[in-house]
Protein backbone atom coordinates (compact mmCIF):
# COMPACT_ATOMS: atom_id res chain seq x y z
CA MET A 1 33.38 16.85 64.10
CA GLU A 2 30.76 19.46 63.21
CA LYS A 3 30.57 22.65 65.24
CA LEU A 4 27.75 22.47 67.75
CA ILE A 5 25.25 25.33 67.79
CA THR A 6 23.54 26.48 70.98
CA ARG A 7 19.77 26.85 71.30
CA LYS A 8 20.08 30.63 71.23
CA GLU A 9 22.28 30.58 68.12
CA ALA A 10 20.00 28.07 66.38
CA ALA A 11 16.90 30.16 67.10
CA GLU A 12 18.65 33.27 65.74
CA ILE A 13 19.82 31.44 62.60
CA LEU A 14 16.31 30.11 61.95
CA GLY A 15 14.60 33.38 62.83
CA ILE A 16 12.36 31.76 65.44
CA SER A 17 12.05 32.02 69.21
CA ILE A 18 13.77 29.60 71.55
CA ALA A 19 10.31 28.41 72.64
CA THR A 20 9.42 27.57 69.02
CA LEU A 21 12.76 25.80 68.60
CA ASP A 22 12.14 23.78 71.78
CA ALA A 23 8.65 22.85 70.56
CA ALA A 24 10.09 21.67 67.23
CA ARG A 25 12.69 19.59 69.09
CA ASN A 26 10.13 18.10 71.49
CA ASN A 27 7.88 17.18 68.55
CA GLY A 28 10.73 15.44 66.72
CA LEU A 29 10.91 17.98 63.89
CA ILE A 30 14.57 18.89 64.40
CA SER A 31 17.52 16.72 65.38
CA TYR A 32 19.70 17.68 68.31
CA VAL A 33 22.68 16.60 70.40
CA GLN A 34 22.42 16.12 74.16
CA TYR A 35 25.32 14.37 75.88
CA VAL A 36 23.70 14.04 79.30
CA GLN A 37 20.02 13.62 80.14
CA ASN A 38 18.68 17.02 81.29
CA GLY A 39 21.91 18.56 79.99
CA CYS A 40 22.54 21.28 77.44
CA VAL A 41 21.01 20.85 74.00
CA TYR A 42 22.98 21.58 70.82
CA PHE A 43 22.23 21.54 67.12
CA THR A 44 24.31 21.01 63.98
CA ALA A 45 24.24 22.98 60.74
CA ALA A 46 23.04 19.84 58.95
CA GLY A 47 20.20 19.46 61.45
CA LEU A 48 19.14 23.07 60.90
CA GLN A 49 19.23 22.57 57.12
CA GLU A 50 17.06 19.46 57.43
CA TYR A 51 14.56 21.39 59.55
CA ILE A 52 14.42 24.20 56.99
CA ALA A 53 13.81 21.63 54.24
CA LYS A 54 10.96 20.07 56.25
CA CYS A 55 9.37 23.48 56.78
CA THR A 56 9.72 24.63 53.18
CA HIS A 57 6.56 24.34 51.10
CA ARG A 58 6.57 24.73 47.35
CA ALA A 59 4.06 27.04 45.73
CA THR A 60 1.39 25.01 43.99
CA GLY A 61 0.10 27.74 41.75
CA ILE A 62 -3.53 28.58 41.21
CA SER A 63 -5.90 25.63 41.33
CA GLU A 64 -8.38 24.96 38.54
CA PRO A 65 -11.44 25.95 40.63
CA VAL A 66 -9.84 29.28 41.49
CA LEU A 67 -9.01 29.85 37.82
CA ALA A 68 -12.63 29.13 36.90
CA VAL A 69 -13.86 31.73 39.41
CA LEU A 70 -11.36 34.28 38.11
CA ARG A 71 -12.49 33.65 34.53
CA LEU A 72 -16.11 34.08 35.59
CA LEU A 73 -15.35 37.31 37.43
CA SER A 74 -13.49 38.68 34.41
CA LEU A 75 -16.76 38.50 32.43
CA PHE A 76 -18.21 41.17 34.72
CA LEU A 77 -15.25 43.55 34.68
CA PRO A 78 -15.17 46.44 32.22
CA ALA A 79 -12.79 45.91 29.32
């Protein structure tokens, strides 16, 4: 069985506040373990990794319109 991580530990690991962690949990963004309704909430390392993956956005680079503006601006810069 995986080690269960408390809310405080999970927030520290993720670098977010407990309030932000609770909001993510309440919005279904992170999985959790709760044995009894209104009881303590725990997280697993796998659940934290899944949350990090969901929140990770890849850089898309510079879009073509931005490149066009940069090219245009370069015409006005001294060489």
